[in-house]
């Protein structure tokens, strides 16, 4: 998104990094998710888990308050879990947390699996 803030209601601005932080926390709390992945992976960032302060690199936001927002999340999934169940849970959890926290009108939540990782 070109802007770094979203105007929610009556001039209240919500930063993209705040939305990414809430989204990232919701995603990493889901069973089967190892962590967030950067959406634009470079050779040195391949398979790098994002830290909490960098969640905005693994989340994208498009849209507006009239039509609704589209959220995209890039994740690593644990080996041995049912991926469709993990993706469904991530979508539900992100939608719930963003509506509860910011009252954002969501159009959809897209989840992209970057890789499957072994857990320790």
Protein backbone atom coordinates (compact mmCIF):
# COMPACT_ATOMS: atom_id res chain seq x y z
CA UNK A 1 0.00 0.00 0.00
CA UNK A 2 1.36 3.42 -0.90
CA UNK A 3 0.16 5.08 2.29
CA UNK A 4 1.59 4.19 5.66
CA UNK A 5 -1.67 4.90 7.50
CA UNK A 6 -5.31 3.98 7.16
CA UNK A 7 -8.00 6.43 8.20
CA UNK A 8 -10.57 4.42 10.12
CA UNK A 9 -13.15 6.76 11.60
CA UNK A 10 -13.39 10.52 12.07
CA UNK A 11 -9.77 11.18 11.19
CA UNK A 12 -8.29 8.47 13.41
CA UNK A 13 -5.27 7.02 11.63
CA UNK A 14 -4.11 3.46 12.13
CA UNK A 15 -0.56 2.73 11.04
CA UNK A 16 0.17 -0.14 8.71
CA UNK A 17 2.76 -1.41 11.19
CA UNK A 18 0.09 -1.56 13.94
CA UNK A 19 -2.17 -3.63 11.69
CA UNK A 20 0.77 -5.85 10.74
CA UNK A 21 1.69 -6.31 14.40
CA UNK A 22 -1.82 -7.40 15.40
CA UNK A 23 -2.02 -9.64 12.32
CA UNK A 24 1.38 -11.19 13.02
CA UNK A 25 0.51 -11.88 16.66
CA UNK A 26 -2.74 -13.55 15.62
CA UNK A 27 -0.99 -15.68 13.00
CA UNK A 28 1.88 -16.85 15.20
CA UNK A 29 -0.57 -17.93 17.91
CA UNK A 30 -2.24 -20.39 15.51
CA UNK A 31 -1.41 -24.07 15.78
CA UNK A 32 0.83 -25.30 12.98
CA UNK A 33 2.33 -21.92 12.10
CA UNK A 34 6.10 -21.76 12.56
CA UNK A 35 6.34 -18.04 11.81
CA UNK A 36 5.90 -15.26 9.29
CA UNK A 37 7.95 -15.11 6.10
CA UNK A 38 9.02 -11.99 4.19
CA UNK A 39 6.77 -11.43 1.17
CA UNK A 40 9.72 -10.32 -0.99
CA UNK A 41 12.38 -12.88 -0.28
CA UNK A 42 15.93 -12.15 -1.30
CA UNK A 43 18.64 -14.78 -1.48
CA UNK A 44 19.89 -13.93 2.02
CA UNK A 45 16.38 -13.92 3.53
CA UNK A 46 15.22 -17.32 2.26
CA UNK A 47 13.78 -19.36 5.12
CA UNK A 48 14.29 -16.49 7.58
CA UNK A 49 11.58 -16.18 10.24
CA UNK A 50 10.46 -12.63 10.87
CA UNK A 51 10.85 -11.09 14.30
CA UNK A 52 7.92 -9.28 15.89
CA UNK A 53 9.31 -5.87 14.92
CA UNK A 54 9.46 -6.98 11.25
CA UNK A 55 5.95 -8.44 10.89
CA UNK A 56 5.10 -5.72 8.37
CA UNK A 57 7.45 -7.49 5.89
CA UNK A 58 5.20 -10.57 5.89
CA UNK A 59 1.82 -8.81 5.77
CA UNK A 60 0.31 -6.71 2.98
CA UNK A 61 -2.81 -4.57 3.08
CA UNK A 62 -4.87 -3.30 0.12
CA UNK A 63 -8.25 -1.65 -0.17
CA UNK A 64 -10.24 1.11 1.47
CA UNK A 65 -12.86 1.49 4.15
CA UNK A 66 -15.79 1.61 1.70
CA UNK A 67 -15.03 -1.60 -0.21
CA UNK A 68 -13.16 -3.33 2.62
CA UNK A 69 -9.54 -4.29 3.08
CA UNK A 70 -7.69 -7.29 1.72
CA UNK A 71 -5.02 -8.70 4.04
CA UNK A 72 -2.29 -11.03 2.80
CA UNK A 73 -0.06 -13.07 5.11
CA UNK A 74 3.04 -15.10 4.19
CA UNK A 75 3.76 -17.97 6.59
CA UNK A 76 5.87 -21.03 7.27
CA UNK A 77 3.88 -24.11 8.26
CA UNK A 78 5.08 -26.94 10.49
CA UNK A 79 5.72 -30.32 8.93
CA UNK A 80 3.07 -32.94 9.65
CA UNK A 81 0.04 -30.67 10.09
CA UNK A 82 -2.99 -30.50 7.85
CA UNK A 83 -2.28 -27.36 5.85
CA UNK A 84 -5.90 -26.62 4.94
CA UNK A 85 -6.88 -26.62 8.61
CA UNK A 86 -4.01 -24.29 9.50
CA UNK A 87 -4.90 -21.87 6.69
CA UNK A 88 -8.57 -21.80 7.68
CA UNK A 89 -7.66 -21.12 11.31
CA UNK A 90 -5.26 -18.32 10.31
CA UNK A 91 -7.94 -16.67 8.16
CA UNK A 92 -10.53 -16.81 10.94
CA UNK A 93 -8.13 -15.63 13.63
CA UNK A 94 -6.80 -12.68 11.61
CA UNK A 95 -10.30 -11.53 10.63
CA UNK A 96 -11.50 -11.78 14.25
CA UNK A 97 -8.53 -9.93 15.75
CA UNK A 98 -8.57 -7.09 13.21
CA UNK A 99 -12.32 -6.57 13.55
CA UNK A 100 -12.09 -6.69 17.34
CA UNK A 101 -9.06 -4.39 17.61
CA UNK A 102 -9.56 -1.85 14.82
CA UNK A 103 -13.12 -2.44 13.52
CA UNK A 104 -11.67 -2.70 10.02
CA UNK A 105 -14.08 -3.81 7.31
CA UNK A 106 -12.35 -6.86 5.84
CA UNK A 107 -13.04 -8.10 2.36
CA UNK A 108 -10.82 -11.16 2.60
CA UNK A 109 -7.73 -12.65 4.20
CA UNK A 110 -5.26 -14.41 1.90
CA UNK A 111 -2.71 -16.80 3.40
CA UNK A 112 0.35 -17.91 1.43
CA UNK A 113 2.47 -20.86 2.53
CA UNK A 114 6.08 -20.10 1.67
CA UNK A 115 7.60 -23.31 3.00
CA UNK A 116 7.06 -26.29 5.28
CA UNK A 117 9.53 -26.44 8.15
CA UNK A 118 10.58 -29.10 10.61
CA UNK A 119 9.85 -28.10 14.19
CA UNK A 120 12.30 -28.79 16.97
